[in-house]
Amino acid sequence: MCCRVPCVTDYVYADVDTVTRQLTKLIHRTKAKSVFLARDSQRYDSDIAATLKKLSVSYHWLTEDDPHLDLAILGQSDHFIGNCISTFSAFATRERRAKQLPVSFWGFNPSGKDEL
């Protein structure tokens, strides 16, 4: 089980199309001006950068590994999109839910509709 539903590949390894589509929809919906990327892989950096540049949104990440600072930023951000099965995402999600802040997950859509 993943996020209280059967786990599928998109929840575990969101592809670049899923990531850029969800980011774009969330940016349009929230009118976000900047995005912070906490990641353990740089595999989508150029695709994300291109998407955010088209949307005139700045993007930021830490240049050195600092998981405590990542979690502090994720806990305070306006919205958080995490990996459903990640222990790291679980820490950020728990803090955010305690504060009643919004959380969503890559590739996961609880309503079944094509939206965040």
N, C-alpha and C. Protein backbone atom coordinates (compact mmCIF):
# COMPACT_ATOMS: atom_id res chain seq x y z
N MET A 1 0.85 -1.18 0.00
CA MET A 1 0.00 0.00 0.00
C MET A 1 0.89 1.24 0.00
N CYS A 2 0.44 2.23 -0.70
CA CYS A 2 1.17 3.48 -0.82
C CYS A 2 0.15 4.60 -0.66
N CYS A 3 0.35 5.48 0.29
CA CYS A 3 -0.60 6.57 0.52
C CYS A 3 -2.02 6.02 0.72
N ARG A 4 -2.13 4.88 1.36
CA ARG A 4 -3.40 4.22 1.67
C ARG A 4 -4.13 3.67 0.44
N VAL A 5 -3.44 3.53 -0.66
CA VAL A 5 -3.99 2.90 -1.86
C VAL A 5 -2.91 1.98 -2.43
N PRO A 6 -3.28 1.05 -3.32
CA PRO A 6 -2.24 0.20 -3.92
C PRO A 6 -1.18 1.05 -4.60
N CYS A 7 0.07 0.68 -4.42
CA CYS A 7 1.19 1.46 -4.95
C CYS A 7 1.40 1.14 -6.43
N VAL A 8 1.61 2.17 -7.23
CA VAL A 8 1.94 2.00 -8.65
C VAL A 8 3.25 2.71 -8.92
N THR A 9 3.85 2.40 -10.05
CA THR A 9 5.18 2.92 -10.38
C THR A 9 5.25 4.43 -10.34
N ASP A 10 4.22 5.15 -10.82
CA ASP A 10 4.26 6.61 -10.83
C ASP A 10 4.42 7.20 -9.44
N TYR A 11 3.92 6.52 -8.42
CA TYR A 11 4.07 7.03 -7.06
C TYR A 11 5.51 6.89 -6.59
N VAL A 12 6.15 5.83 -7.00
CA VAL A 12 7.50 5.54 -6.54
C VAL A 12 8.53 6.28 -7.38
N TYR A 13 8.40 6.20 -8.69
CA TYR A 13 9.34 6.82 -9.62
C TYR A 13 8.57 7.70 -10.60
N ALA A 14 8.16 8.86 -10.16
CA ALA A 14 7.42 9.76 -11.04
C ALA A 14 8.29 10.11 -12.24
N ASP A 15 7.71 9.98 -13.44
CA ASP A 15 8.48 10.33 -14.63
C ASP A 15 8.48 11.85 -14.81
N VAL A 16 9.33 12.31 -15.73
CA VAL A 16 9.51 13.74 -15.91
C VAL A 16 8.21 14.42 -16.35
N ASP A 17 7.39 13.73 -17.16
CA ASP A 17 6.12 14.32 -17.58
C ASP A 17 5.18 14.53 -16.41
N THR A 18 5.13 13.56 -15.50
CA THR A 18 4.30 13.69 -14.30
C THR A 18 4.77 14.86 -13.45
N VAL A 19 6.07 14.95 -13.24
CA VAL A 19 6.64 16.01 -12.41
C VAL A 19 6.35 17.39 -13.01
N THR A 20 6.65 17.57 -14.29
CA THR A 20 6.44 18.89 -14.90
C THR A 20 4.95 19.23 -15.01
N ARG A 21 4.11 18.24 -15.27
CA ARG A 21 2.66 18.49 -15.35
C ARG A 21 2.11 18.92 -13.99
N GLN A 22 2.48 18.19 -12.94
CA GLN A 22 1.99 18.55 -11.61
C GLN A 22 2.51 19.90 -11.16
N LEU A 23 3.77 20.17 -11.42
CA LEU A 23 4.33 21.48 -11.06
C LEU A 23 3.59 22.60 -11.79
N THR A 24 3.39 22.43 -13.08
CA THR A 24 2.71 23.45 -13.88
C THR A 24 1.30 23.72 -13.34
N LYS A 25 0.54 22.67 -13.07
CA LYS A 25 -0.82 22.84 -12.56
C LYS A 25 -0.82 23.53 -11.20
N LEU A 26 0.09 23.13 -10.33
CA LEU A 26 0.15 23.73 -9.00
C LEU A 26 0.57 25.20 -9.09
N ILE A 27 1.52 25.51 -9.94
CA ILE A 27 1.97 26.90 -10.11
C ILE A 27 0.84 27.76 -10.63
N HIS A 28 0.11 27.27 -11.61
CA HIS A 28 -1.04 28.03 -12.13
C HIS A 28 -2.11 28.22 -11.06
N ARG A 29 -2.39 27.16 -10.32
CA ARG A 29 -3.44 27.23 -9.30
C ARG A 29 -3.08 28.15 -8.15
N THR A 30 -1.83 28.13 -7.73
CA THR A 30 -1.42 28.90 -6.54
C THR A 30 -0.76 30.23 -6.89
N LYS A 31 -0.49 30.43 -8.19
CA LYS A 31 0.22 31.63 -8.63
C LYS A 31 1.60 31.74 -7.97
N ALA A 32 2.25 30.60 -7.81
CA ALA A 32 3.58 30.54 -7.18
C ALA A 32 4.59 31.34 -7.99
N LYS A 33 5.50 31.97 -7.29
CA LYS A 33 6.56 32.75 -7.92
C LYS A 33 7.92 32.06 -7.82
N SER A 34 8.03 31.09 -6.90
CA SER A 34 9.29 30.36 -6.75
C SER A 34 9.02 28.94 -6.29
N VAL A 35 10.00 28.07 -6.57
CA VAL A 35 9.91 26.66 -6.23
C VAL A 35 11.23 26.26 -5.58
N PHE A 36 11.13 25.51 -4.49
CA PHE A 36 12.32 24.95 -3.84
C PHE A 36 12.33 23.46 -4.13
N LEU A 37 13.45 22.96 -4.66
CA LEU A 37 13.58 21.54 -4.98
C LEU A 37 14.48 20.87 -3.96
N ALA A 38 13.93 19.97 -3.19
CA ALA A 38 14.72 19.12 -2.30
C ALA A 38 14.78 17.77 -3.00
N ARG A 39 15.96 17.36 -3.41
CA ARG A 39 16.04 16.14 -4.20
C ARG A 39 17.30 15.37 -3.87
N ASP A 40 17.22 14.08 -4.13
CA ASP A 40 18.40 13.24 -3.96
C ASP A 40 18.96 12.80 -5.30
N SER A 41 18.36 13.33 -6.37
CA SER A 41 18.78 12.99 -7.73
C SER A 41 18.64 14.24 -8.60
N GLN A 42 19.51 14.38 -9.55
CA GLN A 42 19.45 15.53 -10.44
C GLN A 42 18.93 15.14 -11.81
N ARG A 43 18.27 14.00 -11.91
CA ARG A 43 17.91 13.46 -13.22
C ARG A 43 16.93 14.34 -14.00
N TYR A 44 16.10 15.16 -13.35
CA TYR A 44 15.12 15.97 -14.05
C TYR A 44 15.42 17.46 -13.99
N ASP A 45 16.56 17.83 -13.47
CA ASP A 45 16.87 19.25 -13.26
C ASP A 45 16.68 20.10 -14.51
N SER A 46 17.22 19.66 -15.65
CA SER A 46 17.12 20.49 -16.86
C SER A 46 15.68 20.60 -17.35
N ASP A 47 14.89 19.52 -17.23
CA ASP A 47 13.49 19.56 -17.64
C ASP A 47 12.68 20.47 -16.72
N ILE A 48 12.92 20.37 -15.42
CA ILE A 48 12.22 21.21 -14.45
C ILE A 48 12.60 22.67 -14.66
N ALA A 49 13.89 22.92 -14.85
CA ALA A 49 14.35 24.28 -15.09
C ALA A 49 13.70 24.88 -16.32
N ALA A 50 13.60 24.12 -17.40
CA ALA A 50 12.99 24.62 -18.63
C ALA A 50 11.50 24.92 -18.41
N THR A 51 10.81 24.05 -17.71
CA THR A 51 9.39 24.26 -17.43
C THR A 51 9.18 25.51 -16.58
N LEU A 52 9.97 25.65 -15.53
CA LEU A 52 9.82 26.79 -14.63
C LEU A 52 10.21 28.10 -15.32
N LYS A 53 11.21 28.04 -16.18
CA LYS A 53 11.61 29.24 -16.92
C LYS A 53 10.47 29.72 -17.82
N LYS A 54 9.80 28.79 -18.51
CA LYS A 54 8.65 29.14 -19.36
C LYS A 54 7.54 29.80 -18.55
N LEU A 55 7.42 29.41 -17.28
CA LEU A 55 6.37 29.94 -16.41
C LEU A 55 6.82 31.19 -15.65
N SER A 56 8.05 31.63 -15.89
CA SER A 56 8.64 32.78 -15.19
C SER A 56 8.65 32.58 -13.68
N VAL A 57 9.02 31.37 -13.28
CA VAL A 57 9.09 31.01 -11.86
C VAL A 57 10.54 30.72 -11.51
N SER A 58 11.03 31.30 -10.42
CA SER A 58 12.40 31.02 -10.00
C SER A 58 12.43 29.68 -9.27
N TYR A 59 13.57 29.03 -9.31
CA TYR A 59 13.70 27.75 -8.63
C TYR A 59 15.02 27.73 -7.87
N HIS A 60 15.01 27.00 -6.77
CA HIS A 60 16.14 27.00 -5.85
C HIS A 60 16.35 25.61 -5.28
N TRP A 61 17.58 25.30 -4.90
CA TRP A 61 17.89 24.08 -4.19
C TRP A 61 19.18 24.31 -3.43
N LEU A 62 19.44 23.46 -2.48
CA LEU A 62 20.68 23.57 -1.71
C LEU A 62 21.83 23.01 -2.54
N THR A 63 22.95 23.68 -2.51
CA THR A 63 24.10 23.21 -3.28
C THR A 63 24.85 22.09 -2.56
N GLU A 64 24.65 21.97 -1.27
CA GLU A 64 25.26 20.89 -0.49
C GLU A 64 24.17 20.15 0.26
N ASP A 65 24.38 18.87 0.49
CA ASP A 65 23.41 18.08 1.23
C ASP A 65 23.23 18.61 2.65
N ASP A 66 22.01 18.95 2.99
CA ASP A 66 21.66 19.36 4.34
C ASP A 66 20.20 18.97 4.57
N PRO A 67 19.96 17.70 4.88
CA PRO A 67 18.58 17.23 5.01
C PRO A 67 17.78 17.97 6.09
N HIS A 68 18.44 18.43 7.13
CA HIS A 68 17.72 19.16 8.18
C HIS A 68 17.20 20.50 7.65
N LEU A 69 18.02 21.19 6.87
CA LEU A 69 17.59 22.45 6.28
C LEU A 69 16.51 22.21 5.21
N ASP A 70 16.68 21.14 4.41
CA ASP A 70 15.63 20.78 3.45
C ASP A 70 14.29 20.60 4.17
N LEU A 71 14.28 19.83 5.25
CA LEU A 71 13.04 19.57 5.99
C LEU A 71 12.47 20.85 6.59
N ALA A 72 13.33 21.73 7.08
CA ALA A 72 12.85 23.00 7.64
C ALA A 72 12.15 23.83 6.58
N ILE A 73 12.74 23.89 5.39
CA ILE A 73 12.13 24.66 4.29
C ILE A 73 10.83 24.00 3.84
N LEU A 74 10.85 22.69 3.67
CA LEU A 74 9.65 21.96 3.23
C LEU A 74 8.51 22.09 4.23
N GLY A 75 8.85 22.14 5.50
CA GLY A 75 7.83 22.27 6.53
C GLY A 75 7.17 23.63 6.56
N GLN A 76 7.83 24.65 6.02
CA GLN A 76 7.30 26.02 6.06
C GLN A 76 6.76 26.50 4.71
N SER A 77 6.98 25.75 3.66
CA SER A 77 6.59 26.21 2.32
C SER A 77 5.07 26.29 2.17
N ASP A 78 4.63 27.00 1.14
CA ASP A 78 3.20 27.15 0.89
C ASP A 78 2.55 25.84 0.48
N HIS A 79 3.28 25.00 -0.24
CA HIS A 79 2.77 23.70 -0.67
C HIS A 79 3.94 22.74 -0.76
N PHE A 80 3.68 21.47 -0.57
CA PHE A 80 4.72 20.44 -0.63
C PHE A 80 4.22 19.30 -1.50
N ILE A 81 5.04 18.91 -2.49
CA ILE A 81 4.77 17.70 -3.27
C ILE A 81 5.89 16.73 -2.94
N GLY A 82 5.53 15.57 -2.42
CA GLY A 82 6.53 14.60 -2.02
C GLY A 82 6.38 13.27 -2.72
N ASN A 83 7.29 12.39 -2.43
CA ASN A 83 7.24 11.03 -2.92
C ASN A 83 6.48 10.21 -1.89
N CYS A 84 5.43 9.58 -2.31
CA CYS A 84 4.48 8.90 -1.43
C CYS A 84 5.12 7.88 -0.50
N ILE A 85 6.15 7.18 -0.95
CA ILE A 85 6.71 6.12 -0.11
C ILE A 85 8.02 6.51 0.58
N SER A 86 8.44 7.74 0.39
CA SER A 86 9.71 8.21 0.95
C SER A 86 9.59 8.51 2.44
N THR A 87 10.53 7.99 3.20
CA THR A 87 10.59 8.30 4.62
C THR A 87 10.86 9.79 4.82
N PHE A 88 11.72 10.36 3.99
CA PHE A 88 12.03 11.78 4.05
C PHE A 88 10.76 12.61 3.83
N SER A 89 10.00 12.27 2.79
CA SER A 89 8.72 12.96 2.53
C SER A 89 7.75 12.78 3.69
N ALA A 90 7.80 11.62 4.32
CA ALA A 90 6.89 11.36 5.46
C ALA A 90 7.16 12.33 6.60
N PHE A 91 8.42 12.66 6.85
CA PHE A 91 8.73 13.63 7.91
C PHE A 91 8.14 15.00 7.59
N ALA A 92 8.34 15.45 6.35
CA ALA A 92 7.80 16.74 5.94
C ALA A 92 6.27 16.73 5.98
N THR A 93 5.68 15.64 5.51
CA THR A 93 4.22 15.52 5.48
C THR A 93 3.64 15.55 6.88
N ARG A 94 4.26 14.85 7.79
CA ARG A 94 3.74 14.82 9.18
C ARG A 94 3.75 16.22 9.79
N GLU A 95 4.84 16.94 9.62
CA GLU A 95 4.92 18.31 10.15
C GLU A 95 3.84 19.20 9.50
N ARG A 96 3.71 19.09 8.19
CA ARG A 96 2.76 19.94 7.47
C ARG A 96 1.32 19.62 7.84
N ARG A 97 1.00 18.36 8.00
CA ARG A 97 -0.37 17.99 8.38
C ARG A 97 -0.69 18.46 9.79
N ALA A 98 0.29 18.44 10.68
CA ALA A 98 0.09 18.96 12.03
C ALA A 98 -0.23 20.45 12.00
N LYS A 99 0.33 21.15 11.01
CA LYS A 99 0.10 22.59 10.85
C LYS A 99 -1.04 22.88 9.88
N GLN A 100 -1.68 21.84 9.37
CA GLN A 100 -2.77 21.95 8.39
C GLN A 100 -2.33 22.68 7.12
N LEU A 101 -1.14 22.36 6.66
CA LEU A 101 -0.60 22.90 5.42
C LEU A 101 -0.78 21.88 4.29
N PRO A 102 -0.96 22.33 3.06
CA PRO A 102 -1.24 21.40 1.96
C PRO A 102 -0.07 20.49 1.59
N VAL A 103 -0.43 19.27 1.24
CA VAL A 103 0.52 18.23 0.83
C VAL A 103 -0.07 17.49 -0.36
N SER A 104 0.74 17.18 -1.34
CA SER A 104 0.34 16.28 -2.41
C SER A 104 1.53 15.40 -2.75
N PHE A 105 1.30 14.41 -3.59
CA PHE A 105 2.35 13.44 -3.91
C PHE A 105 2.47 13.26 -5.41
N TRP A 106 3.70 13.07 -5.88
CA TRP A 106 3.94 12.85 -7.30
C TRP A 106 3.13 11.66 -7.80
N GLY A 107 2.41 11.86 -8.88
CA GLY A 107 1.69 10.77 -9.54
C GLY A 107 0.45 10.30 -8.84
N PHE A 108 0.13 10.84 -7.68
CA PHE A 108 -1.01 10.38 -6.90
C PHE A 108 -2.13 11.40 -6.95
N ASN A 109 -3.29 10.95 -7.33
CA ASN A 109 -4.45 11.82 -7.41
C ASN A 109 -5.61 11.11 -6.71
N PRO A 110 -5.88 11.45 -5.46
CA PRO A 110 -6.91 10.73 -4.70
C PRO A 110 -8.31 10.86 -5.27
N SER A 111 -8.59 11.91 -6.04
CA SER A 111 -9.94 12.10 -6.56
C SER A 111 -10.17 11.32 -7.85
N GLY A 112 -9.08 10.86 -8.48
CA GLY A 112 -9.20 10.17 -9.75
C GLY A 112 -9.32 11.11 -10.93
N LYS A 113 -9.41 12.42 -10.68
CA LYS A 113 -9.48 13.42 -11.74
C LYS A 113 -8.07 13.82 -12.12
N ASP A 114 -7.91 14.39 -13.28
CA ASP A 114 -6.59 14.82 -13.75
C ASP A 114 -6.30 16.23 -13.23
N GLU A 115 -6.08 16.33 -11.94
CA GLU A 115 -5.77 17.61 -11.31
C GLU A 115 -5.08 17.33 -9.99
N LEU A 116 -4.53 18.35 -9.39
CA LEU A 116 -3.93 18.20 -8.06
C LEU A 116 -4.99 18.26 -7.01
